[in-house]
PDB file of N, CA and C in Angstrom:
ATOM      1  N   MET A   1      -0.161  -1.099  11.074  1.00  0.00           N
ATOM      2  CA  MET A   1      -0.571  -2.599  10.838  1.00  0.00           C
ATOM      3  C   MET A   1       0.439  -3.420  10.550  1.00  0.00           C
ATOM      4  N   LEU A   2       0.522  -4.577  10.766  1.00  0.00           N
ATOM      5  CA  LEU A   2       1.112  -5.542  10.549  1.00  0.00           C
ATOM      6  C   LEU A   2       0.757  -6.651   9.439  1.00  0.00           C
ATOM      7  N   TYR A   3       1.545  -6.411   8.516  1.00  0.00           N
ATOM      8  CA  TYR A   3       1.368  -7.821   7.213  1.00  0.00           C
ATOM      9  C   TYR A   3       2.333  -8.572   7.350  1.00  0.00           C
ATOM     10  N   VAL A   4       1.555  -9.871   7.835  1.00  0.00           N
ATOM     11  CA  VAL A   4       2.505 -11.055   7.990  1.00  0.00           C
ATOM     12  C   VAL A   4       2.521 -12.046   6.365  1.00  0.00           C
ATOM     13  N   ASP A   5       3.225 -12.774   6.435  1.00  0.00           N
ATOM     14  CA  ASP A   5       2.908 -13.907   5.262  1.00  0.00           C
ATOM     15  C   ASP A   5       2.544 -13.288   3.973  1.00  0.00           C
ATOM     16  N   TYR A   6       2.891 -11.656   3.393  1.00  0.00           N
ATOM     17  CA  TYR A   6       2.260 -11.489   2.745  1.00  0.00           C
ATOM     18  C   TYR A   6       3.513 -11.575   1.311  1.00  0.00           C
ATOM     19  N   SER A   7       3.511 -11.758   0.199  1.00  0.00           N
ATOM     20  CA  SER A   7       4.622 -11.212  -0.741  1.00  0.00           C
ATOM     21  C   SER A   7       4.505  -9.758  -1.390  1.00  0.00           C
ATOM     22  N   PHE A   8       5.586  -9.323  -1.507  1.00  0.00           N
ATOM     23  CA  PHE A   8       5.900  -8.220  -2.388  1.00  0.00           C
ATOM     24  C   PHE A   8       6.617  -8.182  -3.341  1.00  0.00           C
ATOM     25  N   ASP A   9       6.377  -7.754  -4.843  1.00  0.00           N
ATOM     26  CA  ASP A   9       7.302  -8.071  -5.845  1.00  0.00           C
ATOM     27  C   ASP A   9       7.662  -6.629  -5.670  1.00  0.00           C
ATOM     28  N   LEU A  10       9.394  -6.368  -5.703  1.00  0.00           N
ATOM     29  CA  LEU A  10      10.099  -5.032  -6.102  1.00  0.00           C
ATOM     30  C   LEU A  10      10.816  -4.809  -7.154  1.00  0.00           C
ATOM     31  N   SER A  11      10.556  -4.093  -8.119  1.00  0.00           N
ATOM     32  CA  SER A  11      11.488  -3.798  -9.483  1.00  0.00           C
ATOM     33  C   SER A  11      11.816  -2.440  -9.630  1.00  0.00           C
ATOM     34  N   ASP A  12      12.292  -2.323 -10.438  1.00  0.00           N
ATOM     35  CA  ASP A  12      12.998  -0.644 -11.026  1.00  0.00           C
ATOM     36  C   ASP A  12      11.616   0.385 -10.968  1.00  0.00           C
ATOM     37  N   GLY A  13      10.456  -0.253 -11.289  1.00  0.00           N
ATOM     38  CA  GLY A  13       9.324   0.603 -12.065  1.00  0.00           C
ATOM     39  C   GLY A  13       8.189   0.484 -10.853  1.00  0.00           C
ATOM     40  N   ALA A  14       8.233  -0.835 -10.034  1.00  0.00           N
ATOM     41  CA  ALA A  14       6.782  -1.136  -9.468  1.00  0.00           C
ATOM     42  C   ALA A  14       7.112  -1.809  -8.086  1.00  0.00           C
ATOM     43  N   ILE A  15       6.265  -1.545  -7.022  1.00  0.00           N
ATOM     44  CA  ILE A  15       5.949  -2.661  -6.088  1.00  0.00           C
ATOM     45  C   ILE A  15       4.461  -3.142  -6.190  1.00  0.00           C
ATOM     46  N   VAL A  16       4.824  -4.263  -6.214  1.00  0.00           N
ATOM     47  CA  VAL A  16       3.482  -5.225  -6.724  1.00  0.00           C
ATOM     48  C   VAL A  16       2.616  -5.546  -5.373  1.00  0.00           C
ATOM     49  N   PHE A  17       1.957  -5.325  -4.680  1.00  0.00           N
ATOM     50  CA  PHE A  17       1.251  -5.879  -3.501  1.00  0.00           C
ATOM     51  C   PHE A  17       0.929  -7.510  -3.841  1.00  0.00           C
ATOM     52  N   ASP A  18       0.615  -8.565  -2.711  1.00  0.00           N
ATOM     53  CA  ASP A  18       0.167  -9.362  -2.659  1.00  0.00           C
ATOM     54  C   ASP A  18      -1.082  -9.312  -3.174  1.00  0.00           C
ATOM     55  N   SER A  19      -1.663 -10.551  -3.924  1.00  0.00           N
ATOM     56  CA  SER A  19      -3.024 -10.639  -4.551  1.00  0.00           C
ATOM     57  C   SER A  19      -3.864 -10.269  -3.902  1.00  0.00           C
ATOM     58  N   GLU A  20      -3.808 -10.958  -2.563  1.00  0.00           N
ATOM     59  CA  GLU A  20      -4.484 -11.343  -1.284  1.00  0.00           C
ATOM     60  C   GLU A  20      -5.017  -9.854  -0.793  1.00  0.00           C
ATOM     61  N   LEU A  21      -4.000  -8.922  -0.691  1.00  0.00           N
ATOM     62  CA  LEU A  21      -4.661  -7.394  -0.239  1.00  0.00           C
ATOM     63  C   LEU A  21      -5.489  -6.901  -1.067  1.00  0.00           C
ATOM     64  N   LYS A  22      -6.542  -6.355  -0.810  1.00  0.00           N
ATOM     65  CA  LYS A  22      -7.499  -5.352  -1.252  1.00  0.00           C
ATOM     66  C   LYS A  22      -7.579  -4.033  -0.961  1.00  0.00           C
ATOM     67  N   LEU A  23      -8.204  -3.174  -1.863  1.00  0.00           N
ATOM     68  CA  LEU A  23      -8.872  -2.060  -1.626  1.00  0.00           C
ATOM     69  C   LEU A  23     -10.074  -2.052  -1.055  1.00  0.00           C
ATOM     70  N   LYS A  24     -10.428  -0.909  -0.363  1.00  0.00           N
ATOM     71  CA  LYS A  24     -12.048  -1.190  -0.023  1.00  0.00           C
ATOM     72  C   LYS A  24     -12.951  -1.576  -1.037  1.00  0.00           C
ATOM     73  N   GLU A  25     -12.390  -0.784  -2.340  1.00  0.00           N
ATOM     74  CA  GLU A  25     -13.807  -0.936  -3.612  1.00  0.00           C
ATOM     75  C   GLU A  25     -13.412  -2.026  -4.263  1.00  0.00           C
ATOM     76  N   GLN A  26     -12.509  -3.040  -3.740  1.00  0.00           N
ATOM     77  CA  GLN A  26     -12.326  -4.565  -4.501  1.00  0.00           C
ATOM     78  C   GLN A  26     -13.115  -4.903  -3.560  1.00  0.00           C
ATOM     79  N   SER A  27     -14.161  -6.232  -4.107  1.00  0.00           N
ATOM     80  CA  SER A  27     -14.492  -7.617  -3.864  1.00  0.00           C
ATOM     81  C   SER A  27     -13.614  -8.278  -3.086  1.00  0.00           C
ATOM     82  N   ASN A  28     -14.180  -8.511  -1.656  1.00  0.00           N
ATOM     83  CA  ASN A  28     -12.968  -9.217  -1.004  1.00  0.00           C
ATOM     84  C   ASN A  28     -13.582 -10.186  -0.395  1.00  0.00           C
ATOM     85  N   GLU A  29     -13.595 -11.572  -0.698  1.00  0.00           N
ATOM     86  CA  GLU A  29     -14.601 -12.819  -0.199  1.00  0.00           C
ATOM     87  C   GLU A  29     -13.663 -13.369   0.743  1.00  0.00           C
ATOM     88  N   ASN A  30     -12.429 -12.904   1.215  1.00  0.00           N
ATOM     89  CA  ASN A  30     -11.781 -13.231   2.450  1.00  0.00           C
ATOM     90  C   ASN A  30     -12.528 -12.929   3.855  1.00  0.00           C
ATOM     91  N   GLY A  31     -12.832 -11.447   3.775  1.00  0.00           N
ATOM     92  CA  GLY A  31     -12.884 -10.574   4.727  1.00  0.00           C
ATOM     93  C   GLY A  31     -11.867 -10.794   5.575  1.00  0.00           C
ATOM     94  N   TRP A  32     -10.944 -10.513   5.067  1.00  0.00           N
ATOM     95  CA  TRP A  32      -9.263 -10.240   5.621  1.00  0.00           C
ATOM     96  C   TRP A  32      -8.571  -9.643   4.392  1.00  0.00           C
ATOM     97  N   GLY A  33      -7.555  -8.895   5.074  1.00  0.00           N
ATOM     98  CA  GLY A  33      -6.545  -8.874   3.916  1.00  0.00           C
ATOM     99  C   GLY A  33      -6.448  -7.409   3.263  1.00  0.00           C
ATOM    100  N   ASN A  34      -7.635  -6.275   3.920  1.00  0.00           N
ATOM    101  CA  ASN A  34      -7.885  -5.092   3.495  1.00  0.00           C
ATOM    102  C   ASN A  34      -6.615  -4.067   3.807  1.00  0.00           C
ATOM    103  N   LEU A  35      -6.542  -3.144   2.491  1.00  0.00           N
ATOM    104  CA  LEU A  35      -5.566  -2.307   2.682  1.00  0.00           C
ATOM    105  C   LEU A  35      -5.890  -1.197   3.668  1.00  0.00           C
ATOM    106  N   PRO A  36      -5.510   0.029   3.797  1.00  0.00           N
ATOM    107  CA  PRO A  36      -6.005   0.894   4.876  1.00  0.00           C
ATOM    108  C   PRO A  36      -7.229   1.436   3.827  1.00  0.00           C
ATOM    109  N   LYS A  37      -8.145   1.708   4.724  1.00  0.00           N
ATOM    110  CA  LYS A  37      -9.777   2.350   4.216  1.00  0.00           C
ATOM    111  C   LYS A  37      -9.404   3.602   3.124  1.00  0.00           C
ATOM    112  N   ALA A  38      -8.447   4.199   3.631  1.00  0.00           N
ATOM    113  CA  ALA A  38      -8.013   5.660   3.122  1.00  0.00           C
ATOM    114  C   ALA A  38      -7.731   5.404   1.666  1.00  0.00           C
ATOM    115  N   TRP A  39      -6.931   4.554   1.640  1.00  0.00           N
ATOM    116  CA  TRP A  39      -6.202   4.152   0.393  1.00  0.00           C
ATOM    117  C   TRP A  39      -7.324   3.819  -0.786  1.00  0.00           C
ATOM    118  N   LYS A  40      -7.366   4.176  -2.010  1.00  0.00           N
ATOM    119  CA  LYS A  40      -7.875   4.222  -3.137  1.00  0.00           C
ATOM    120  C   LYS A  40      -7.249   4.461  -4.327  1.00  0.00           C
ATOM    121  N   ASP A  41      -7.717   3.595  -5.381  1.00  0.00           N
ATOM    122  CA  ASP A  41      -7.289   3.418  -6.794  1.00  0.00           C
ATOM    123  C   ASP A  41      -7.058   5.046  -7.239  1.00  0.00           C
ATOM    124  N   GLY A  42      -5.737   5.140  -7.725  1.00  0.00           N
ATOM    125  CA  GLY A  42      -5.231   6.617  -8.196  1.00  0.00           C
ATOM    126  C   GLY A  42      -4.328   6.976  -7.494  1.00  0.00           C
ATOM    127  N   ASP A  43      -4.247   6.716  -5.819  1.00  0.00           N
ATOM    128  CA  ASP A  43      -3.425   7.540  -5.045  1.00  0.00           C
ATOM    129  C   ASP A  43      -1.808   7.625  -5.622  1.00  0.00           C
ATOM    130  N   LEU A  44      -1.346   8.375  -4.951  1.00  0.00           N
ATOM    131  CA  LEU A  44       0.313   8.842  -5.242  1.00  0.00           C
ATOM    132  C   LEU A  44       1.231   8.745  -4.177  1.00  0.00           C
ATOM    133  N   PHE A  45       1.812   8.112  -3.834  1.00  0.00           N
ATOM    134  CA  PHE A  45       2.903   8.025  -3.072  1.00  0.00           C
ATOM    135  C   PHE A  45       4.432   8.646  -3.021  1.00  0.00           C
ATOM    136  N   MET A  46       5.003   9.340  -2.024  1.00  0.00           N
ATOM    137  CA  MET A  46       6.108   9.822  -2.299  1.00  0.00           C
ATOM    138  C   MET A  46       7.143   8.787  -1.502  1.00  0.00           C
ATOM    139  N   LEU A  47       8.466   8.133  -1.983  1.00  0.00           N
ATOM    140  CA  LEU A  47       9.277   8.015  -1.510  1.00  0.00           C
ATOM    141  C   LEU A  47      10.669   8.750  -0.610  1.00  0.00           C
ATOM    142  N   LYS A  48      10.619   8.310   0.742  1.00  0.00           N
ATOM    143  CA  LYS A  48      11.258   9.463   1.407  1.00  0.00           C
ATOM    144  C   LYS A  48      12.147   8.471   2.426  1.00  0.00           C
ATOM    145  N   ALA A  49      13.252   8.971   2.504  1.00  0.00           N
ATOM    146  CA  ALA A  49      14.389   8.336   3.734  1.00  0.00           C
ATOM    147  C   ALA A  49      13.734   9.649   5.091  1.00  0.00           C
ATOM    148  N   SER A  50      13.396   8.653   6.265  1.00  0.00           N
ATOM    149  CA  SER A  50      13.220   9.246   7.041  1.00  0.00           C
ATOM    150  C   SER A  50      14.405   9.894   8.188  1.00  0.00           C
ATOM    151  N   GLU A  51      14.115  10.677   8.826  1.00  0.00           N
ATOM    152  CA  GLU A  51      15.444  11.269   9.676  1.00  0.00           C
ATOM    153  C   GLU A  51      16.368  10.186  10.502  1.00  0.00           C
ATOM    154  N   ASN A  52      15.534   8.846  10.630  1.00  0.00           N
ATOM    155  CA  ASN A  52      16.169   7.676  11.249  1.00  0.00           C
ATOM    156  C   ASN A  52      16.677   6.571  10.640  1.00  0.00           C
ATOM    157  N   GLY A  53      16.462   7.105   8.970  1.00  0.00           N
ATOM    158  CA  GLY A  53      17.174   6.081   8.178  1.00  0.00           C
ATOM    159  C   GLY A  53      16.422   5.310   7.330  1.00  0.00           C
ATOM    160  N   LYS A  54      15.096   5.112   7.997  1.00  0.00           N
ATOM    161  CA  LYS A  54      13.951   4.255   7.647  1.00  0.00           C
ATOM    162  C   LYS A  54      13.803   4.657   6.119  1.00  0.00           C
ATOM    163  N   VAL A  55      13.184   4.071   5.170  1.00  0.00           N
ATOM    164  CA  VAL A  55      12.690   4.691   3.844  1.00  0.00           C
ATOM    165  C   VAL A  55      11.328   3.921   4.042  1.00  0.00           C
ATOM    166  N   VAL A  56      10.417   5.286   3.412  1.00  0.00           N
ATOM    167  CA  VAL A  56       9.043   5.341   3.898  1.00  0.00           C
ATOM    168  C   VAL A  56       8.265   6.070   2.353  1.00  0.00           C
ATOM    169  N   LEU A  57       7.005   4.980   2.367  1.00  0.00           N
ATOM    170  CA  LEU A  57       6.100   5.484   1.255  1.00  0.00           C
ATOM    171  C   LEU A  57       5.178   6.431   2.103  1.00  0.00           C
ATOM    172  N   TYR A  58       5.179   7.778   1.719  1.00  0.00           N
ATOM    173  CA  TYR A  58       3.891   8.515   2.248  1.00  0.00           C
ATOM    174  C   TYR A  58       2.926   8.907   1.111  1.00  0.00           C
ATOM    175  N   ARG A  59       1.656   8.584   1.733  1.00  0.00           N
ATOM    176  CA  ARG A  59       0.613   9.079   0.793  1.00  0.00           C
ATOM    177  C   ARG A  59       0.470  10.623   0.864  1.00  0.00           C
ATOM    178  N   LYS A  60       0.160  10.860  -0.592  1.00  0.00           N
ATOM    179  CA  LYS A  60       0.248  12.216  -0.721  1.00  0.00           C
ATOM    180  C   LYS A  60      -1.534  12.753  -0.540  1.00  0.00           C
ATOM    181  N   PRO A  61      -1.471  13.731   0.129  1.00  0.00           N
ATOM    182  CA  PRO A  61      -3.138  14.032   0.852  1.00  0.00           C
ATOM    183  C   PRO A  61      -4.028  13.857  -0.637  1.00  0.00           C
ATOM    184  N   ASP A  62      -5.175  13.925  -0.422  1.00  0.00           N
ATOM    185  CA  ASP A  62      -6.401  14.119  -1.904  1.00  0.00           C
ATOM    186  C   ASP A  62      -6.400  15.604  -1.984  1.00  0.00           C
ATOM    187  N   GLU A  63      -6.551  15.527  -3.217  1.00  0.00           N
ATOM    188  CA  GLU A  63      -6.847  17.353  -3.708  1.00  0.00           C
ATOM    189  C   GLU A  63      -7.660  17.812  -2.902  1.00  0.00           C
ATOM    190  N   LEU A  64      -7.765  19.406  -2.702  1.00  0.00           N
ATOM    191  CA  LEU A  64      -8.829  19.791  -2.044  1.00  0.00           C
ATOM    192  C   LEU A  64      -9.526  20.643  -2.770  1.00  0.00           C
TER     193      LEU A  64
END
């Protein structure tokens, strides 16, 4: 999914998504700007460098 014209604030301690991007649990009057449906409040992500050199955030799977 390509997100165009959104702002992301990066700092040493956080990545803050654009306020128009919403989780499915949040009300979203726009009808657009939804983050992936599997993402939910409390998800954990791991930062890794891939083999081709790209930096990637991987969502950790839900506990079984």
